[in-house]
Amino acid sequence: MKRLSVRHQTQYSYGAPVDIGLHLLRLTPPAMEGQHPVNQALAIEPEPSRIEAFQDHFGNAVHFVAVEAMHDRFVVTLEAQVDVSRPAVVSEGPAWEEVRDSLRDDGFPAAVRVAEFVYPSPLAFPDSAASEYAQESFSKGLPIVAALRDLTARIHRDFRYAPNSTNVSTKAAEVLKMRRGVCQDFAHLMIATLRGLGIPARYVSGYVKTRASGGEMARTGSDATHAWVSVWCGADLGWVEFDPTNNLIVEDEHIVLAYGREFPDATPLHGVILGGGRHTLQVEVAVRGEESAE
């Protein structure tokens, strides 16, 4: 088990006063299998008029925050310690066709929970080009984890990490043509390719450790919130997570914030404001390893 500490600060500075700001925050790491928050605290400036907590459709923890006094900036800071202990994936799983076909069986116990992640969503739409790209990794009868390792490695190899080359509305089809993007884009692309083959895949938002264990180089995408992919690998393996930006299976260097069909379902912070004019956004993220937890 590893203990990771995270500090994430998001600051909006407004060019004109904001009268009302309404925000949705998915910024608290959930307790789940393989992930156990030790402590976490959200600091919000200015002090909200109202805060309400609820769970969304995907089971994510959400805070609704209303700031109803005039303000010229909005700052949210998360500080947390999280124990992470996902087991290594030692099985290659069933043939990928078995996973695909199992969703067609009404008696399959997980079908209701996973089936919605097979269907298209606007940013991760499985067109023919996406399916063709995936097919190279999914030869007949290949175990699903082996196929997913290959697809993850190919996306990492074929696409250039290029900040500011895309935006939050960029679709997987555009990424496939441009061959560049950021972690959000690579997650959408991988999801679209898998859905085109009939394999359930969901979007994950969260954090990745700033520096790889035993290494000096910073992980790609570690200076902001990160995104990767969770793939249904059959009833025995369940959901297995892959990070195409860094070409790895997710184990003990990632912290999950939220799941969804695509980015808008799992975005850490979004909302609406009345007033404000032009604004600037500053985001700072640091995730560090601490002593291993017992």
C-alpha atoms as a PDB file:
ATOM      1  CA  MET A   1       0.000   0.000   0.000  1.00  0.00           C
ATOM      2  CA  LYS A   2       1.247   3.480  -0.875  1.00  0.00           C
ATOM      3  CA  ARG A   3       0.169   6.760   0.652  1.00  0.00           C
ATOM      4  CA  LEU A   4      -0.122   9.668  -1.762  1.00  0.00           C
ATOM      5  CA  SER A   5      -0.597  13.289  -0.768  1.00  0.00           C
ATOM      6  CA  VAL A   6      -2.274  15.712  -3.141  1.00  0.00           C
ATOM      7  CA  ARG A   7      -2.657  19.459  -3.201  1.00  0.00           C
ATOM      8  CA  HIS A   8      -4.861  20.865  -5.964  1.00  0.00           C
ATOM      9  CA  GLN A   9      -5.692  24.554  -6.207  1.00  0.00           C
ATOM     10  CA  THR A  10      -7.952  26.097  -8.844  1.00  0.00           C
ATOM     11  CA  GLN A  11      -8.250  29.883  -8.998  1.00  0.00           C
ATOM     12  CA  TYR A  12     -10.521  31.953 -11.226  1.00  0.00           C
ATOM     13  CA  SER A  13      -9.727  35.679 -11.328  1.00  0.00           C
ATOM     14  CA  TYR A  14     -12.495  37.816 -12.826  1.00  0.00           C
ATOM     15  CA  GLY A  15     -12.114  41.046 -14.772  1.00  0.00           C
ATOM     16  CA  ALA A  16     -15.352  42.415 -13.315  1.00  0.00           C
ATOM     17  CA  PRO A  17     -17.276  41.606 -10.131  1.00  0.00           C
ATOM     18  CA  VAL A  18     -19.326  38.408 -10.065  1.00  0.00           C
ATOM     19  CA  ASP A  19     -22.739  38.756  -8.432  1.00  0.00           C
ATOM     20  CA  ILE A  20     -23.559  35.030  -8.163  1.00  0.00           C
ATOM     21  CA  GLY A  21     -21.461  31.923  -8.771  1.00  0.00           C
ATOM     22  CA  LEU A  22     -22.923  28.398  -8.830  1.00  0.00           C
ATOM     23  CA  HIS A  23     -20.424  25.542  -9.039  1.00  0.00           C
ATOM     24  CA  LEU A  24     -20.334  21.741  -9.054  1.00  0.00           C
ATOM     25  CA  LEU A  25     -17.224  20.179  -7.526  1.00  0.00           C
ATOM     26  CA  ARG A  26     -16.097  16.558  -7.997  1.00  0.00           C
ATOM     27  CA  LEU A  27     -12.978  17.061  -5.954  1.00  0.00           C
ATOM     28  CA  THR A  28     -13.111  14.592  -3.083  1.00  0.00           C
ATOM     29  CA  PRO A  29     -11.363  11.235  -3.685  1.00  0.00           C
ATOM     30  CA  PRO A  30     -13.930   8.498  -2.936  1.00  0.00           C
ATOM     31  CA  ALA A  31     -13.390   5.478  -0.708  1.00  0.00           C
ATOM     32  CA  MET A  32     -13.433   2.431  -2.966  1.00  0.00           C
ATOM     33  CA  GLU A  33     -11.692  -0.873  -3.495  1.00  0.00           C
ATOM     34  CA  GLY A  34      -7.975  -0.140  -3.688  1.00  0.00           C
ATOM     35  CA  GLN A  35      -8.340   3.495  -2.593  1.00  0.00           C
ATOM     36  CA  HIS A  36      -8.849   4.757   0.957  1.00  0.00           C
ATOM     37  CA  PRO A  37      -8.765   8.481   1.837  1.00  0.00           C
ATOM     38  CA  VAL A  38      -6.965   9.069   5.151  1.00  0.00           C
ATOM     39  CA  ASN A  39      -7.976  12.710   5.383  1.00  0.00           C
ATOM     40  CA  GLN A  40      -9.133  15.387   2.977  1.00  0.00           C
ATOM     41  CA  ALA A  41     -10.216  18.995   3.206  1.00  0.00           C
ATOM     42  CA  LEU A  42     -11.725  21.462   0.764  1.00  0.00           C
ATOM     43  CA  ALA A  43     -11.088  25.183   1.290  1.00  0.00           C
ATOM     44  CA  ILE A  44     -13.267  27.587  -0.713  1.00  0.00           C
ATOM     45  CA  GLU A  45     -12.827  31.360  -1.096  1.00  0.00           C
ATOM     46  CA  PRO A  46     -14.929  33.407  -0.722  1.00  0.00           C
ATOM     47  CA  GLU A  47     -16.979  31.546   1.846  1.00  0.00           C
ATOM     48  CA  PRO A  48     -20.004  29.990   0.112  1.00  0.00           C
ATOM     49  CA  SER A  49     -23.551  30.925   0.992  1.00  0.00           C
ATOM     50  CA  ARG A  50     -24.573  27.281   0.546  1.00  0.00           C
ATOM     51  CA  ILE A  51     -22.877  23.917   0.163  1.00  0.00           C
ATOM     52  CA  GLU A  52     -24.850  20.747  -0.562  1.00  0.00           C
ATOM     53  CA  ALA A  53     -23.411  17.265  -1.075  1.00  0.00           C
ATOM     54  CA  PHE A  54     -24.970  14.538  -3.206  1.00  0.00           C
ATOM     55  CA  GLN A  55     -24.133  11.532  -5.403  1.00  0.00           C
ATOM     56  CA  ASP A  56     -24.594  11.782  -9.163  1.00  0.00           C
ATOM     57  CA  HIS A  57     -25.811   9.088 -11.558  1.00  0.00           C
ATOM     58  CA  PHE A  58     -22.359   7.484 -11.697  1.00  0.00           C
ATOM     59  CA  GLY A  59     -21.961   7.359  -7.919  1.00  0.00           C
ATOM     60  CA  ASN A  60     -19.517  10.268  -7.793  1.00  0.00           C
ATOM     61  CA  ALA A  61     -19.391  12.530  -4.746  1.00  0.00           C
ATOM     62  CA  VAL A  62     -20.462  16.039  -5.797  1.00  0.00           C
ATOM     63  CA  HIS A  63     -20.600  19.323  -3.898  1.00  0.00           C
ATOM     64  CA  PHE A  64     -22.933  22.067  -5.085  1.00  0.00           C
ATOM     65  CA  VAL A  65     -21.423  25.410  -4.049  1.00  0.00           C
ATOM     66  CA  ALA A  66     -23.272  28.732  -4.221  1.00  0.00           C
ATOM     67  CA  VAL A  67     -21.424  32.036  -3.722  1.00  0.00           C
ATOM     68  CA  GLU A  68     -24.128  34.707  -3.581  1.00  0.00           C
ATOM     69  CA  ALA A  69     -22.070  37.722  -2.502  1.00  0.00           C
ATOM     70  CA  MET A  70     -20.148  39.929  -4.911  1.00  0.00           C
ATOM     71  CA  HIS A  71     -16.609  38.617  -5.525  1.00  0.00           C
ATOM     72  CA  ASP A  72     -13.701  39.070  -7.954  1.00  0.00           C
ATOM     73  CA  ARG A  73     -12.104  35.639  -7.603  1.00  0.00           C
ATOM     74  CA  PHE A  74     -13.048  32.055  -6.785  1.00  0.00           C
ATOM     75  CA  VAL A  75     -10.477  29.695  -5.264  1.00  0.00           C
ATOM     76  CA  VAL A  76     -10.885  26.011  -4.398  1.00  0.00           C
ATOM     77  CA  THR A  77      -8.080  24.084  -2.692  1.00  0.00           C
ATOM     78  CA  LEU A  78      -8.074  20.353  -2.009  1.00  0.00           C
ATOM     79  CA  GLU A  79      -5.530  18.839   0.354  1.00  0.00           C
ATOM     80  CA  ALA A  80      -5.731  15.099   0.912  1.00  0.00           C
ATOM     81  CA  GLN A  81      -3.835  11.972   1.822  1.00  0.00           C
ATOM     82  CA  VAL A  82      -4.958   8.776   0.134  1.00  0.00           C
ATOM     83  CA  ASP A  83      -3.815   5.175   0.596  1.00  0.00           C
ATOM     84  CA  VAL A  84      -3.689   3.336  -2.723  1.00  0.00           C
ATOM     85  CA  SER A  85      -3.412  -0.449  -2.949  1.00  0.00           C
ATOM     86  CA  ARG A  86      -4.704  -1.697  -6.296  1.00  0.00           C
ATOM     87  CA  PRO A  87      -3.426  -5.233  -6.925  1.00  0.00           C
ATOM     88  CA  ALA A  88      -1.274  -5.913  -9.954  1.00  0.00           C
ATOM     89  CA  VAL A  89      -3.151  -7.428 -12.891  1.00  0.00           C
ATOM     90  CA  VAL A  90      -1.714 -10.941 -13.216  1.00  0.00           C
ATOM     91  CA  SER A  91      -4.346 -12.514 -15.496  1.00  0.00           C
ATOM     92  CA  GLU A  92      -4.704 -11.697 -19.176  1.00  0.00           C
ATOM     93  CA  GLY A  93      -8.426 -12.446 -18.887  1.00  0.00           C
ATOM     94  CA  PRO A  94     -10.757 -14.096 -21.390  1.00  0.00           C
ATOM     95  CA  ALA A  95     -10.719 -13.565 -25.129  1.00  0.00           C
ATOM     96  CA  TRP A  96     -11.958 -10.086 -25.874  1.00  0.00           C
ATOM     97  CA  GLU A  97     -14.839 -11.472 -27.941  1.00  0.00           C
ATOM     98  CA  GLU A  98     -16.140 -13.249 -24.831  1.00  0.00           C
ATOM     99  CA  VAL A  99     -16.319  -9.950 -22.971  1.00  0.00           C
ATOM    100  CA  ARG A 100     -18.131  -8.325 -25.885  1.00  0.00           C
ATOM    101  CA  ASP A 101     -20.584 -11.189 -26.283  1.00  0.00           C
ATOM    102  CA  SER A 102     -21.304 -11.530 -22.553  1.00  0.00           C
ATOM    103  CA  LEU A 103     -23.189  -8.229 -22.581  1.00  0.00           C
ATOM    104  CA  ARG A 104     -25.753  -9.762 -24.912  1.00  0.00           C
ATOM    105  CA  ASP A 105     -26.724 -12.350 -22.290  1.00  0.00           C
ATOM    106  CA  ASP A 106     -29.634 -11.124 -20.161  1.00  0.00           C
ATOM    107  CA  GLY A 107     -28.460 -13.326 -17.304  1.00  0.00           C
ATOM    108  CA  PHE A 108     -25.039 -11.696 -17.086  1.00  0.00           C
ATOM    109  CA  PRO A 109     -25.032 -10.212 -13.553  1.00  0.00           C
ATOM    110  CA  ALA A 110     -23.081  -7.050 -14.341  1.00  0.00           C
ATOM    111  CA  ALA A 111     -24.788  -6.250 -17.629  1.00  0.00           C
ATOM    112  CA  VAL A 112     -27.039  -3.542 -16.196  1.00  0.00           C
ATOM    113  CA  ARG A 113     -24.139  -1.760 -14.484  1.00  0.00           C
ATOM    114  CA  VAL A 114     -21.728  -1.822 -17.390  1.00  0.00           C
ATOM    115  CA  ALA A 115     -23.886  -1.745 -20.534  1.00  0.00           C
ATOM    116  CA  GLU A 116     -24.306   2.039 -20.637  1.00  0.00           C
ATOM    117  CA  PHE A 117     -20.557   2.399 -21.186  1.00  0.00           C
ATOM    118  CA  VAL A 118     -20.768   0.542 -24.509  1.00  0.00           C
ATOM    119  CA  TYR A 119     -22.956   3.198 -26.103  1.00  0.00           C
ATOM    120  CA  PRO A 120     -21.709   6.344 -27.887  1.00  0.00           C
ATOM    121  CA  SER A 121     -21.308   9.693 -26.175  1.00  0.00           C
ATOM    122  CA  PRO A 122     -20.681  12.994 -27.971  1.00  0.00           C
ATOM    123  CA  LEU A 123     -16.919  13.268 -27.319  1.00  0.00           C
ATOM    124  CA  ALA A 124     -16.190   9.526 -27.518  1.00  0.00           C
ATOM    125  CA  PHE A 125     -18.203   8.488 -30.537  1.00  0.00           C
ATOM    126  CA  PRO A 126     -17.150   5.127 -32.061  1.00  0.00           C
ATOM    127  CA  ASP A 127     -16.993   5.852 -35.775  1.00  0.00           C
ATOM    128  CA  SER A 128     -15.512   3.476 -38.353  1.00  0.00           C
ATOM    129  CA  ALA A 129     -12.047   5.078 -38.211  1.00  0.00           C
ATOM    130  CA  ALA A 130     -11.859   4.542 -34.450  1.00  0.00           C
ATOM    131  CA  SER A 131     -12.920   0.910 -34.789  1.00  0.00           C
ATOM    132  CA  GLU A 132     -10.346   0.313 -37.505  1.00  0.00           C
ATOM    133  CA  TYR A 133      -7.594   1.798 -35.338  1.00  0.00           C
ATOM    134  CA  ALA A 134      -8.497  -0.526 -32.448  1.00  0.00           C
ATOM    135  CA  GLN A 135      -8.831  -3.622 -34.593  1.00  0.00           C
ATOM    136  CA  GLU A 136      -5.069  -3.861 -35.094  1.00  0.00           C
ATOM    137  CA  SER A 137      -4.700  -4.610 -31.372  1.00  0.00           C
ATOM    138  CA  PHE A 138      -7.690  -6.934 -31.123  1.00  0.00           C
ATOM    139  CA  SER A 139      -6.841  -9.967 -33.220  1.00  0.00           C
ATOM    140  CA  LYS A 140      -9.140 -12.975 -33.078  1.00  0.00           C
ATOM    141  CA  GLY A 141      -9.105 -14.794 -29.733  1.00  0.00           C
ATOM    142  CA  LEU A 142      -6.555 -12.503 -28.055  1.00  0.00           C
ATOM    143  CA  PRO A 143      -7.001 -12.177 -24.266  1.00  0.00           C
ATOM    144  CA  ILE A 144      -8.565  -8.840 -23.462  1.00  0.00           C
ATOM    145  CA  VAL A 145      -5.813  -7.516 -21.162  1.00  0.00           C
ATOM    146  CA  ALA A 146      -3.140  -8.324 -23.748  1.00  0.00           C
ATOM    147  CA  ALA A 147      -5.165  -6.493 -26.393  1.00  0.00           C
ATOM    148  CA  LEU A 148      -5.649  -3.494 -24.098  1.00  0.00           C
ATOM    149  CA  ARG A 149      -1.935  -3.339 -23.262  1.00  0.00           C
ATOM    150  CA  ASP A 150      -1.186  -3.184 -26.976  1.00  0.00           C
ATOM    151  CA  LEU A 151      -3.813  -0.510 -27.662  1.00  0.00           C
ATOM    152  CA  THR A 152      -2.533   1.581 -24.738  1.00  0.00           C
ATOM    153  CA  ALA A 153       1.034   1.354 -26.027  1.00  0.00           C
ATOM    154  CA  ARG A 154       0.005   2.252 -29.592  1.00  0.00           C
ATOM    155  CA  ILE A 155      -1.868   5.395 -28.498  1.00  0.00           C
ATOM    156  CA  HIS A 156       1.151   6.410 -26.443  1.00  0.00           C
ATOM    157  CA  ARG A 157       3.412   5.837 -29.446  1.00  0.00           C
ATOM    158  CA  ASP A 158       1.236   7.267 -32.227  1.00  0.00           C
ATOM    159  CA  PHE A 159      -0.062  10.451 -30.569  1.00  0.00           C
ATOM    160  CA  ARG A 160       1.943  13.454 -29.390  1.00  0.00           C
ATOM    161  CA  TYR A 161       1.218  15.058 -26.020  1.00  0.00           C
ATOM    162  CA  ALA A 162       0.679  18.696 -26.996  1.00  0.00           C
ATOM    163  CA  PRO A 163      -0.928  21.078 -24.462  1.00  0.00           C
ATOM    164  CA  ASN A 164      -3.202  23.786 -25.913  1.00  0.00           C
ATOM    165  CA  SER A 165      -3.651  21.871 -29.180  1.00  0.00           C
ATOM    166  CA  THR A 166      -7.226  20.887 -28.242  1.00  0.00           C
ATOM    167  CA  ASN A 167      -9.996  22.038 -25.915  1.00  0.00           C
ATOM    168  CA  VAL A 168     -12.636  20.491 -23.654  1.00  0.00           C
ATOM    169  CA  SER A 169     -14.976  20.036 -26.637  1.00  0.00           C
ATOM    170  CA  THR A 170     -12.544  18.209 -28.929  1.00  0.00           C
ATOM    171  CA  LYS A 171     -13.988  14.915 -30.165  1.00  0.00           C
ATOM    172  CA  ALA A 172     -12.155  11.595 -30.458  1.00  0.00           C
ATOM    173  CA  ALA A 173     -12.503  11.673 -34.250  1.00  0.00           C
ATOM    174  CA  GLU A 174     -10.611  14.989 -34.373  1.00  0.00           C
ATOM    175  CA  VAL A 175      -7.843  13.613 -32.144  1.00  0.00           C
ATOM    176  CA  LEU A 176      -7.489  10.587 -34.416  1.00  0.00           C
ATOM    177  CA  LYS A 177      -6.928  12.885 -37.397  1.00  0.00           C
ATOM    178  CA  MET A 178      -4.605  15.378 -35.652  1.00  0.00           C
ATOM    179  CA  ARG A 179      -2.519  12.707 -33.852  1.00  0.00           C
ATOM    180  CA  ARG A 180      -1.971  14.988 -30.883  1.00  0.00           C
ATOM    181  CA  GLY A 181      -3.725  16.166 -27.736  1.00  0.00           C
ATOM    182  CA  VAL A 182      -3.639  15.808 -23.954  1.00  0.00           C
ATOM    183  CA  CYS A 183      -4.686  13.136 -21.468  1.00  0.00           C
ATOM    184  CA  GLN A 184      -8.395  13.933 -21.826  1.00  0.00           C
ATOM    185  CA  ASP A 185      -8.150  13.469 -25.595  1.00  0.00           C
ATOM    186  CA  PHE A 186      -6.262  10.191 -25.384  1.00  0.00           C
ATOM    187  CA  ALA A 187      -8.845   8.874 -22.912  1.00  0.00           C
ATOM    188  CA  HIS A 188     -11.714   9.843 -25.227  1.00  0.00           C
ATOM    189  CA  LEU A 189      -9.929   8.249 -28.184  1.00  0.00           C
ATOM    190  CA  MET A 190      -9.323   4.963 -26.372  1.00  0.00           C
ATOM    191  CA  ILE A 191     -12.917   4.878 -25.135  1.00  0.00           C
ATOM    192  CA  ALA A 192     -14.269   5.479 -28.654  1.00  0.00           C
ATOM    193  CA  THR A 193     -12.123   2.730 -30.164  1.00  0.00           C
ATOM    194  CA  LEU A 194     -13.262   0.219 -27.537  1.00  0.00           C
ATOM    195  CA  ARG A 195     -16.936   1.090 -27.816  1.00  0.00           C
ATOM    196  CA  GLY A 196     -16.627   0.534 -31.549  1.00  0.00           C
ATOM    197  CA  LEU A 197     -15.682  -3.084 -30.755  1.00  0.00           C
ATOM    198  CA  GLY A 198     -18.531  -3.496 -28.259  1.00  0.00           C
ATOM    199  CA  ILE A 199     -16.341  -3.301 -25.136  1.00  0.00           C
ATOM    200  CA  PRO A 200     -17.534  -1.117 -22.214  1.00  0.00           C
ATOM    201  CA  ALA A 201     -15.149   1.719 -21.379  1.00  0.00           C
ATOM    202  CA  ARG A 202     -15.547   4.677 -19.051  1.00  0.00           C
ATOM    203  CA  TYR A 203     -13.709   7.952 -18.468  1.00  0.00           C
ATOM    204  CA  VAL A 204     -11.771   8.481 -15.218  1.00  0.00           C
ATOM    205  CA  SER A 205     -10.702  11.845 -13.814  1.00  0.00           C
ATOM    206  CA  GLY A 206      -8.181  12.122 -11.011  1.00  0.00           C
ATOM    207  CA  TYR A 207      -4.491  12.578 -10.322  1.00  0.00           C
ATOM    208  CA  VAL A 208      -1.252  10.826 -11.194  1.00  0.00           C
ATOM    209  CA  LYS A 209       1.834  10.921  -8.984  1.00  0.00           C
ATOM    210  CA  THR A 210       4.025  13.832 -10.053  1.00  0.00           C
ATOM    211  CA  ARG A 211       7.158  11.708 -10.397  1.00  0.00           C
ATOM    212  CA  ALA A 212       7.263   8.010 -11.236  1.00  0.00           C
ATOM    213  CA  SER A 213       8.496   5.708  -8.476  1.00  0.00           C
ATOM    214  CA  GLY A 214      12.266   5.452  -8.667  1.00  0.00           C
ATOM    215  CA  GLY A 215      12.492   8.068 -11.405  1.00  0.00           C
ATOM    216  CA  GLU A 216      13.403  11.714 -11.745  1.00  0.00           C
ATOM    217  CA  MET A 217      11.200  12.520 -14.745  1.00  0.00           C
ATOM    218  CA  ALA A 218       7.757  13.932 -14.082  1.00  0.00           C
ATOM    219  CA  ARG A 219       4.793  11.885 -15.276  1.00  0.00           C
ATOM    220  CA  THR A 220       3.073  13.312 -18.334  1.00  0.00           C
ATOM    221  CA  GLY A 221      -0.068  15.169 -17.262  1.00  0.00           C
ATOM    222  CA  SER A 222       0.963  15.378 -13.610  1.00  0.00           C
ATOM    223  CA  ASP A 223       0.829  19.192 -13.435  1.00  0.00           C
ATOM    224  CA  ALA A 224      -2.977  19.212 -13.650  1.00  0.00           C
ATOM    225  CA  THR A 225      -5.872  16.864 -13.089  1.00  0.00           C
ATOM    226  CA  HIS A 226      -5.333  13.696 -15.093  1.00  0.00           C
ATOM    227  CA  ALA A 227      -7.564  11.404 -17.159  1.00  0.00           C
ATOM    228  CA  TRP A 228      -7.414   7.737 -18.073  1.00  0.00           C
ATOM    229  CA  VAL A 229      -9.689   4.821 -19.013  1.00  0.00           C
ATOM    230  CA  SER A 230     -11.505   2.094 -17.079  1.00  0.00           C
ATOM    231  CA  VAL A 231     -12.359  -0.995 -19.168  1.00  0.00           C
ATOM    232  CA  TRP A 232     -14.706  -3.868 -18.339  1.00  0.00           C
ATOM    233  CA  CYS A 233     -12.613  -7.037 -18.686  1.00  0.00           C
ATOM    234  CA  GLY A 234     -15.213  -9.648 -17.787  1.00  0.00           C
ATOM    235  CA  ALA A 235     -16.894 -10.843 -14.607  1.00  0.00           C
ATOM    236  CA  ASP A 236     -13.707 -12.258 -13.055  1.00  0.00           C
ATOM    237  CA  LEU A 237     -11.424  -9.267 -13.587  1.00  0.00           C
ATOM    238  CA  GLY A 238     -14.077  -6.546 -13.487  1.00  0.00           C
ATOM    239  CA  TRP A 239     -12.931  -3.012 -14.303  1.00  0.00           C
ATOM    240  CA  VAL A 240      -9.231  -2.600 -15.132  1.00  0.00           C
ATOM    241  CA  GLU A 241      -7.753   0.884 -15.657  1.00  0.00           C
ATOM    242  CA  PHE A 242      -5.280   1.938 -18.351  1.00  0.00           C
ATOM    243  CA  ASP A 243      -3.373   5.221 -18.750  1.00  0.00           C
ATOM    244  CA  PRO A 244      -2.593   5.746 -22.458  1.00  0.00           C
ATOM    245  CA  THR A 245      -0.858   9.067 -21.763  1.00  0.00           C
ATOM    246  CA  ASN A 246       1.832   7.266 -19.742  1.00  0.00           C
ATOM    247  CA  ASN A 247       1.492   3.764 -21.287  1.00  0.00           C
ATOM    248  CA  LEU A 248       0.724   1.831 -18.122  1.00  0.00           C
ATOM    249  CA  ILE A 249      -1.881  -0.140 -16.224  1.00  0.00           C
ATOM    250  CA  VAL A 250      -3.100   1.889 -13.260  1.00  0.00           C
ATOM    251  CA  GLU A 251      -1.913   0.452  -9.953  1.00  0.00           C
ATOM    252  CA  ASP A 252      -0.512   2.593  -7.139  1.00  0.00           C
ATOM    253  CA  GLU A 253       0.353   5.995  -8.640  1.00  0.00           C
ATOM    254  CA  HIS A 254      -3.160   7.260  -9.461  1.00  0.00           C
ATOM    255  CA  ILE A 255      -5.960   8.757  -7.343  1.00  0.00           C
ATOM    256  CA  VAL A 256      -9.521   8.519  -8.699  1.00  0.00           C
ATOM    257  CA  LEU A 257     -11.871  11.485  -8.383  1.00  0.00           C
ATOM    258  CA  ALA A 258     -14.800  10.525 -10.620  1.00  0.00           C
ATOM    259  CA  TYR A 259     -16.100   8.230 -13.364  1.00  0.00           C
ATOM    260  CA  GLY A 260     -18.356   8.925 -16.336  1.00  0.00           C
ATOM    261  CA  ARG A 261     -19.031   8.294 -20.004  1.00  0.00           C
ATOM    262  CA  GLU A 262     -16.727  11.193 -20.946  1.00  0.00           C
ATOM    263  CA  PHE A 263     -15.170  14.390 -19.572  1.00  0.00           C
ATOM    264  CA  PRO A 264     -18.355  16.412 -18.810  1.00  0.00           C
ATOM    265  CA  ASP A 265     -19.618  13.597 -16.545  1.00  0.00           C
ATOM    266  CA  ALA A 266     -16.463  13.637 -14.432  1.00  0.00           C
ATOM    267  CA  THR A 267     -15.060  17.161 -14.679  1.00  0.00           C
ATOM    268  CA  PRO A 268     -13.574  18.249 -11.318  1.00  0.00           C
ATOM    269  CA  LEU A 269     -15.096  21.747 -11.351  1.00  0.00           C
ATOM    270  CA  HIS A 270     -17.589  23.574 -13.504  1.00  0.00           C
ATOM    271  CA  GLY A 271     -20.437  26.017 -13.068  1.00  0.00           C
ATOM    272  CA  VAL A 272     -22.053  29.276 -14.102  1.00  0.00           C
ATOM    273  CA  ILE A 273     -21.532  32.877 -12.993  1.00  0.00           C
ATOM    274  CA  LEU A 274     -23.486  36.130 -13.274  1.00  0.00           C
ATOM    275  CA  GLY A 275     -21.077  38.882 -14.278  1.00  0.00           C
ATOM    276  CA  GLY A 276     -17.319  38.477 -14.184  1.00  0.00           C
ATOM    277  CA  GLY A 277     -16.350  39.678 -17.668  1.00  0.00           C
ATOM    278  CA  ARG A 278     -13.128  38.155 -18.959  1.00  0.00           C
ATOM    279  CA  HIS A 279     -11.388  35.829 -16.532  1.00  0.00           C
ATOM    280  CA  THR A 280      -8.121  33.967 -16.060  1.00  0.00           C
ATOM    281  CA  LEU A 281      -7.687  30.440 -14.740  1.00  0.00           C
ATOM    282  CA  GLN A 282      -4.728  29.155 -12.760  1.00  0.00           C
ATOM    283  CA  VAL A 283      -4.423  25.486 -11.730  1.00  0.00           C
ATOM    284  CA  GLU A 284      -1.694  23.959  -9.554  1.00  0.00           C
ATOM    285  CA  VAL A 285      -1.504  20.227  -8.815  1.00  0.00           C
ATOM    286  CA  ALA A 286       1.138  18.277  -6.907  1.00  0.00           C
ATOM    287  CA  VAL A 287       0.896  14.575  -5.987  1.00  0.00           C
ATOM    288  CA  ARG A 288       3.683  13.114  -3.908  1.00  0.00           C
ATOM    289  CA  GLY A 289       4.414   9.738  -2.388  1.00  0.00           C
ATOM    290  CA  GLU A 290       4.871   9.363   1.346  1.00  0.00           C
ATOM    291  CA  GLU A 291       6.105   6.477   3.445  1.00  0.00           C
ATOM    292  CA  SER A 292       4.312   3.240   2.601  1.00  0.00           C
ATOM    293  CA  ALA A 293       1.248   2.735   4.784  1.00  0.00           C
ATOM    294  CA  GLU A 294       0.801  -0.479   6.777  1.00  0.00           C
END
